[in-house]
Amino acid sequence: MTKTELRKTYKLLRKNLTEDQVEDWSLKIANQLLTLAIWDYEFYHTFLSITEHKEVNTDYLLNILSGKDKHIVISKSDFSTLEMTHYLLTDSTRIKKNEWNIPEPLDGISIDTKQINVIFIPLLAFDKTGNRIGYGKGFYDKFLAKCNPETIKIGLSFFKAEEKIADVFKGDVKLDYCVTPLHVYNFN
């Protein structure tokens, strides 16, 4: 299927999830993440979930990262440039939802993309070779292209891999892993 077809399909699948399913599956994803050999790094970037879109609830991941004393990095989106700026999440970071319901920091300590070791990535769908589909604006492709080549890229999904995304293009950045409630896909 094409990206457009997959976006439509997976938005509908997520829309039909119950709150209990979102919470249960998000916790299972967090537990699956604990099985990966990724916990010896310093800077971990994660998204803050858009609850209205029934994204994976990253609160469980945030608790893991806090418990392991890791530096947590979150982003703010600029829809005029389709770029993200990154900030250290601290006890004093003020979070507010933007007009697209994305929880974002209002201010904070700026973090350079080259400092980030591991990135947890929201997505709608992915395939068996590590290609992913987001909402289509390209924020994460631009962000990932600026990171170090050794930065670990981990998608989080409620659903299993598609066989193949038909219209992948050169600028698409592949995942290293994708974690679902029941499976860890390794694309290395």
C-alpha atoms as a PDB file:
ATOM      1  CA  MET A   1       0.000   0.000   0.000  1.00  0.00           C
ATOM      2  CA  THR A   2       1.002   3.626  -0.444  1.00  0.00           C
ATOM      3  CA  LYS A   3       1.706   6.055   2.392  1.00  0.00           C
ATOM      4  CA  THR A   4      -1.624   7.808   1.809  1.00  0.00           C
ATOM      5  CA  GLU A   5      -3.562   4.527   1.988  1.00  0.00           C
ATOM      6  CA  LEU A   6      -1.649   3.401   5.078  1.00  0.00           C
ATOM      7  CA  ARG A   7      -2.165   6.740   6.850  1.00  0.00           C
ATOM      8  CA  LYS A   8      -5.902   6.478   6.313  1.00  0.00           C
ATOM      9  CA  THR A   9      -6.017   2.831   7.463  1.00  0.00           C
ATOM     10  CA  TYR A  10      -3.930   3.321  10.609  1.00  0.00           C
ATOM     11  CA  LYS A  11      -5.614   6.554  11.679  1.00  0.00           C
ATOM     12  CA  LEU A  12      -8.911   4.639  11.609  1.00  0.00           C
ATOM     13  CA  LEU A  13      -7.411   1.681  13.507  1.00  0.00           C
ATOM     14  CA  ARG A  14      -6.122   4.017  16.210  1.00  0.00           C
ATOM     15  CA  LYS A  15      -9.400   5.933  16.348  1.00  0.00           C
ATOM     16  CA  ASN A  16     -11.186   2.659  17.172  1.00  0.00           C
ATOM     17  CA  LEU A  17      -8.900   1.818  20.108  1.00  0.00           C
ATOM     18  CA  THR A  18     -10.368   2.132  23.589  1.00  0.00           C
ATOM     19  CA  GLU A  19      -8.598   4.129  26.302  1.00  0.00           C
ATOM     20  CA  ASP A  20      -7.926   0.856  28.126  1.00  0.00           C
ATOM     21  CA  GLN A  21      -6.281  -0.640  25.033  1.00  0.00           C
ATOM     22  CA  VAL A  22      -4.082   2.442  24.594  1.00  0.00           C
ATOM     23  CA  GLU A  23      -2.959   2.257  28.240  1.00  0.00           C
ATOM     24  CA  ASP A  24      -2.461  -1.520  28.304  1.00  0.00           C
ATOM     25  CA  TRP A  25      -0.571  -1.637  25.013  1.00  0.00           C
ATOM     26  CA  SER A  26       1.527   1.421  25.925  1.00  0.00           C
ATOM     27  CA  LEU A  27       2.635  -0.302  29.129  1.00  0.00           C
ATOM     28  CA  LYS A  28       3.484  -3.462  27.165  1.00  0.00           C
ATOM     29  CA  ILE A  29       5.558  -1.379  24.730  1.00  0.00           C
ATOM     30  CA  ALA A  30       7.441   0.197  27.651  1.00  0.00           C
ATOM     31  CA  ASN A  31       8.161  -3.268  29.067  1.00  0.00           C
ATOM     32  CA  GLN A  32       9.373  -4.457  25.637  1.00  0.00           C
ATOM     33  CA  LEU A  33      11.725  -1.459  25.507  1.00  0.00           C
ATOM     34  CA  LEU A  34      13.376  -2.692  28.700  1.00  0.00           C
ATOM     35  CA  THR A  35      14.573  -5.787  26.795  1.00  0.00           C
ATOM     36  CA  LEU A  36      16.662  -3.696  24.371  1.00  0.00           C
ATOM     37  CA  ALA A  37      20.365  -3.041  24.969  1.00  0.00           C
ATOM     38  CA  ILE A  38      19.922   0.744  24.743  1.00  0.00           C
ATOM     39  CA  TRP A  39      20.168   1.886  28.348  1.00  0.00           C
ATOM     40  CA  ASP A  40      23.865   2.813  28.587  1.00  0.00           C
ATOM     41  CA  TYR A  41      23.518   6.164  26.857  1.00  0.00           C
ATOM     42  CA  GLU A  42      22.990   9.651  28.228  1.00  0.00           C
ATOM     43  CA  PHE A  43      20.499  11.610  26.058  1.00  0.00           C
ATOM     44  CA  TYR A  44      17.112  10.099  25.110  1.00  0.00           C
ATOM     45  CA  HIS A  45      14.654  11.960  22.921  1.00  0.00           C
ATOM     46  CA  THR A  46      10.972  11.121  23.139  1.00  0.00           C
ATOM     47  CA  PHE A  47       7.712  12.568  21.941  1.00  0.00           C
ATOM     48  CA  LEU A  48       4.972  13.626  24.306  1.00  0.00           C
ATOM     49  CA  SER A  49       1.811  11.799  23.274  1.00  0.00           C
ATOM     50  CA  ILE A  50      -1.065  13.450  21.461  1.00  0.00           C
ATOM     51  CA  THR A  51      -3.895  11.826  23.395  1.00  0.00           C
ATOM     52  CA  GLU A  52      -6.493  13.038  20.871  1.00  0.00           C
ATOM     53  CA  HIS A  53      -4.731  10.897  18.219  1.00  0.00           C
ATOM     54  CA  LYS A  54      -4.446   7.906  20.557  1.00  0.00           C
ATOM     55  CA  GLU A  55      -0.659   7.800  20.226  1.00  0.00           C
ATOM     56  CA  VAL A  56       1.407   5.447  22.355  1.00  0.00           C
ATOM     57  CA  ASN A  57       1.364   6.863  25.875  1.00  0.00           C
ATOM     58  CA  THR A  58       4.988   7.789  26.585  1.00  0.00           C
ATOM     59  CA  ASP A  59       4.374   8.460  30.299  1.00  0.00           C
ATOM     60  CA  TYR A  60       5.564   4.897  31.019  1.00  0.00           C
ATOM     61  CA  LEU A  61       8.739   5.524  29.016  1.00  0.00           C
ATOM     62  CA  LEU A  62       9.296   8.839  30.791  1.00  0.00           C
ATOM     63  CA  ASN A  63       9.092   7.003  34.137  1.00  0.00           C
ATOM     64  CA  ILE A  64      11.689   4.458  32.954  1.00  0.00           C
ATOM     65  CA  LEU A  65      14.031   7.205  31.757  1.00  0.00           C
ATOM     66  CA  SER A  66      13.629   9.183  34.996  1.00  0.00           C
ATOM     67  CA  GLY A  67      14.218   6.062  37.063  1.00  0.00           C
ATOM     68  CA  LYS A  68      17.424   5.395  35.152  1.00  0.00           C
ATOM     69  CA  ASP A  69      18.582   9.027  35.639  1.00  0.00           C
ATOM     70  CA  LYS A  70      18.754   9.724  31.904  1.00  0.00           C
ATOM     71  CA  HIS A  71      18.643  13.124  30.238  1.00  0.00           C
ATOM     72  CA  ILE A  72      15.233  13.367  28.572  1.00  0.00           C
ATOM     73  CA  VAL A  73      14.905  15.544  25.478  1.00  0.00           C
ATOM     74  CA  ILE A  74      11.589  16.744  24.027  1.00  0.00           C
ATOM     75  CA  SER A  75      10.794  18.915  21.015  1.00  0.00           C
ATOM     76  CA  LYS A  76       8.892  21.947  19.908  1.00  0.00           C
ATOM     77  CA  SER A  77       7.569  22.027  16.326  1.00  0.00           C
ATOM     78  CA  ASP A  78       7.760  25.020  14.010  1.00  0.00           C
ATOM     79  CA  PHE A  79       5.073  24.529  11.358  1.00  0.00           C
ATOM     80  CA  SER A  80       6.415  27.392   9.210  1.00  0.00           C
ATOM     81  CA  THR A  81       9.777  25.627   8.691  1.00  0.00           C
ATOM     82  CA  LEU A  82       8.693  22.035   9.481  1.00  0.00           C
ATOM     83  CA  GLU A  83      11.663  21.853  11.866  1.00  0.00           C
ATOM     84  CA  MET A  84      11.867  20.909  15.513  1.00  0.00           C
ATOM     85  CA  THR A  85      13.945  22.450  18.279  1.00  0.00           C
ATOM     86  CA  HIS A  86      14.929  20.250  21.204  1.00  0.00           C
ATOM     87  CA  TYR A  87      14.918  20.936  24.931  1.00  0.00           C
ATOM     88  CA  LEU A  88      15.990  19.140  28.071  1.00  0.00           C
ATOM     89  CA  LEU A  89      12.974  18.052  30.110  1.00  0.00           C
ATOM     90  CA  THR A  90      13.481  19.164  33.706  1.00  0.00           C
ATOM     91  CA  ASP A  91      11.261  19.602  36.753  1.00  0.00           C
ATOM     92  CA  SER A  92      10.836  23.263  35.809  1.00  0.00           C
ATOM     93  CA  THR A  93       9.952  22.702  32.126  1.00  0.00           C
ATOM     94  CA  ARG A  94       6.559  24.165  31.348  1.00  0.00           C
ATOM     95  CA  ILE A  95       4.503  22.113  28.856  1.00  0.00           C
ATOM     96  CA  LYS A  96       1.569  23.413  26.834  1.00  0.00           C
ATOM     97  CA  LYS A  97      -0.394  21.933  23.933  1.00  0.00           C
ATOM     98  CA  ASN A  98      -0.031  23.824  20.662  1.00  0.00           C
ATOM     99  CA  GLU A  99      -2.908  24.392  18.216  1.00  0.00           C
ATOM    100  CA  TRP A 100      -2.471  20.806  16.885  1.00  0.00           C
ATOM    101  CA  ASN A 101      -2.705  19.377  20.450  1.00  0.00           C
ATOM    102  CA  ILE A 102       1.005  18.522  20.517  1.00  0.00           C
ATOM    103  CA  PRO A 103       2.344  18.900  24.078  1.00  0.00           C
ATOM    104  CA  GLU A 104       5.475  21.059  23.821  1.00  0.00           C
ATOM    105  CA  PRO A 105       7.932  22.839  26.089  1.00  0.00           C
ATOM    106  CA  LEU A 106       7.392  26.588  26.320  1.00  0.00           C
ATOM    107  CA  ASP A 107      11.093  27.165  26.982  1.00  0.00           C
ATOM    108  CA  GLY A 108      14.101  25.427  28.447  1.00  0.00           C
ATOM    109  CA  ILE A 109      17.669  24.326  27.945  1.00  0.00           C
ATOM    110  CA  SER A 110      18.368  23.840  24.254  1.00  0.00           C
ATOM    111  CA  ILE A 111      19.910  20.514  23.179  1.00  0.00           C
ATOM    112  CA  ASP A 112      21.788  20.005  19.911  1.00  0.00           C
ATOM    113  CA  THR A 113      20.704  17.042  17.774  1.00  0.00           C
ATOM    114  CA  LYS A 114      24.281  15.724  17.818  1.00  0.00           C
ATOM    115  CA  GLN A 115      23.988  15.165  21.600  1.00  0.00           C
ATOM    116  CA  ILE A 116      21.014  12.797  21.287  1.00  0.00           C
ATOM    117  CA  ASN A 117      21.854   9.083  21.539  1.00  0.00           C
ATOM    118  CA  VAL A 118      18.444   7.380  21.311  1.00  0.00           C
ATOM    119  CA  ILE A 119      15.210   8.631  19.736  1.00  0.00           C
ATOM    120  CA  PHE A 120      11.745   7.196  20.340  1.00  0.00           C
ATOM    121  CA  ILE A 121       9.614   8.027  17.306  1.00  0.00           C
ATOM    122  CA  PRO A 122       5.848   8.281  16.910  1.00  0.00           C
ATOM    123  CA  LEU A 123       4.435   6.724  13.759  1.00  0.00           C
ATOM    124  CA  LEU A 124       1.263   5.538  12.107  1.00  0.00           C
ATOM    125  CA  ALA A 125       2.694   2.481  10.327  1.00  0.00           C
ATOM    126  CA  PHE A 126       5.989   0.797   9.442  1.00  0.00           C
ATOM    127  CA  ASP A 127       7.180  -2.038   7.253  1.00  0.00           C
ATOM    128  CA  LYS A 128       9.381  -5.100   7.686  1.00  0.00           C
ATOM    129  CA  THR A 129      12.495  -3.260   6.458  1.00  0.00           C
ATOM    130  CA  GLY A 130      12.251  -0.321   8.902  1.00  0.00           C
ATOM    131  CA  ASN A 131      10.508   2.279   6.764  1.00  0.00           C
ATOM    132  CA  ARG A 132       7.978   4.309   8.716  1.00  0.00           C
ATOM    133  CA  ILE A 133       5.020   6.558   8.059  1.00  0.00           C
ATOM    134  CA  GLY A 134       4.233   9.565  10.207  1.00  0.00           C
ATOM    135  CA  TYR A 135       1.623  12.256   9.686  1.00  0.00           C
ATOM    136  CA  GLY A 136       3.287  13.421   6.463  1.00  0.00           C
ATOM    137  CA  LYS A 137       4.885  16.767   7.332  1.00  0.00           C
ATOM    138  CA  GLY A 138       8.473  15.451   7.396  1.00  0.00           C
ATOM    139  CA  PHE A 139       9.409  16.796  10.852  1.00  0.00           C
ATOM    140  CA  TYR A 140      11.109  13.576  11.919  1.00  0.00           C
ATOM    141  CA  ASP A 141      12.874  12.973   8.592  1.00  0.00           C
ATOM    142  CA  LYS A 142      14.480  16.428   8.859  1.00  0.00           C
ATOM    143  CA  PHE A 143      15.342  15.858  12.517  1.00  0.00           C
ATOM    144  CA  LEU A 144      16.783  12.356  11.993  1.00  0.00           C
ATOM    145  CA  ALA A 145      18.867  13.522   9.021  1.00  0.00           C
ATOM    146  CA  LYS A 146      20.674  15.967  11.346  1.00  0.00           C
ATOM    147  CA  CYS A 147      21.483  13.359  14.003  1.00  0.00           C
ATOM    148  CA  ASN A 148      24.682  11.353  14.247  1.00  0.00           C
ATOM    149  CA  PRO A 149      24.615   8.217  12.074  1.00  0.00           C
ATOM    150  CA  GLU A 150      25.003   6.052  15.205  1.00  0.00           C
ATOM    151  CA  THR A 151      21.933   7.594  16.909  1.00  0.00           C
ATOM    152  CA  ILE A 152      19.486   4.753  17.637  1.00  0.00           C
ATOM    153  CA  LYS A 153      16.049   5.290  16.088  1.00  0.00           C
ATOM    154  CA  ILE A 154      13.158   3.366  17.692  1.00  0.00           C
ATOM    155  CA  GLY A 155       9.593   3.515  16.428  1.00  0.00           C
ATOM    156  CA  LEU A 156       6.695   2.852  18.806  1.00  0.00           C
ATOM    157  CA  SER A 157       3.572   1.243  17.347  1.00  0.00           C
ATOM    158  CA  PHE A 158       0.430  -0.491  18.545  1.00  0.00           C
ATOM    159  CA  PHE A 159       0.313  -2.544  15.344  1.00  0.00           C
ATOM    160  CA  LYS A 160       2.476  -5.103  13.543  1.00  0.00           C
ATOM    161  CA  ALA A 161       4.672  -4.354  10.527  1.00  0.00           C
ATOM    162  CA  GLU A 162       3.269  -4.015   7.039  1.00  0.00           C
ATOM    163  CA  GLU A 163       4.974  -6.163   4.414  1.00  0.00           C
ATOM    164  CA  LYS A 164       6.135  -3.160   2.363  1.00  0.00           C
ATOM    165  CA  ILE A 165       5.443   0.558   2.001  1.00  0.00           C
ATOM    166  CA  ALA A 166       5.104   1.106  -1.747  1.00  0.00           C
ATOM    167  CA  ASP A 167       6.214   4.716  -2.131  1.00  0.00           C
ATOM    168  CA  VAL A 168       9.308   5.116   0.042  1.00  0.00           C
ATOM    169  CA  PHE A 169      11.664   7.835  -1.195  1.00  0.00           C
ATOM    170  CA  LYS A 170      15.343   8.634  -0.724  1.00  0.00           C
ATOM    171  CA  GLY A 171      14.820  11.201   2.073  1.00  0.00           C
ATOM    172  CA  ASP A 172      12.938   8.752   4.299  1.00  0.00           C
ATOM    173  CA  VAL A 173      15.056   7.765   7.308  1.00  0.00           C
ATOM    174  CA  LYS A 174      14.741   4.134   8.395  1.00  0.00           C
ATOM    175  CA  LEU A 175      14.277   2.891  11.934  1.00  0.00           C
ATOM    176  CA  ASP A 176      16.771   0.705  13.781  1.00  0.00           C
ATOM    177  CA  TYR A 177      13.970  -0.889  15.820  1.00  0.00           C
ATOM    178  CA  CYS A 178      10.220  -0.757  16.117  1.00  0.00           C
ATOM    179  CA  VAL A 179       8.543  -1.887  19.320  1.00  0.00           C
ATOM    180  CA  THR A 180       4.948  -3.086  19.524  1.00  0.00           C
ATOM    181  CA  PRO A 181       3.067  -4.600  22.474  1.00  0.00           C
ATOM    182  CA  LEU A 182       3.970  -8.111  21.314  1.00  0.00           C
ATOM    183  CA  HIS A 183       7.157  -7.818  19.271  1.00  0.00           C
ATOM    184  CA  VAL A 184      10.481  -6.039  18.885  1.00  0.00           C
ATOM    185  CA  TYR A 185      11.510  -5.601  15.247  1.00  0.00           C
ATOM    186  CA  ASN A 186      15.268  -5.221  14.704  1.00  0.00           C
ATOM    187  CA  PHE A 187      16.209  -3.714  11.333  1.00  0.00           C
ATOM    188  CA  ASN A 188      20.003  -3.787  11.799  1.00  0.00           C
END
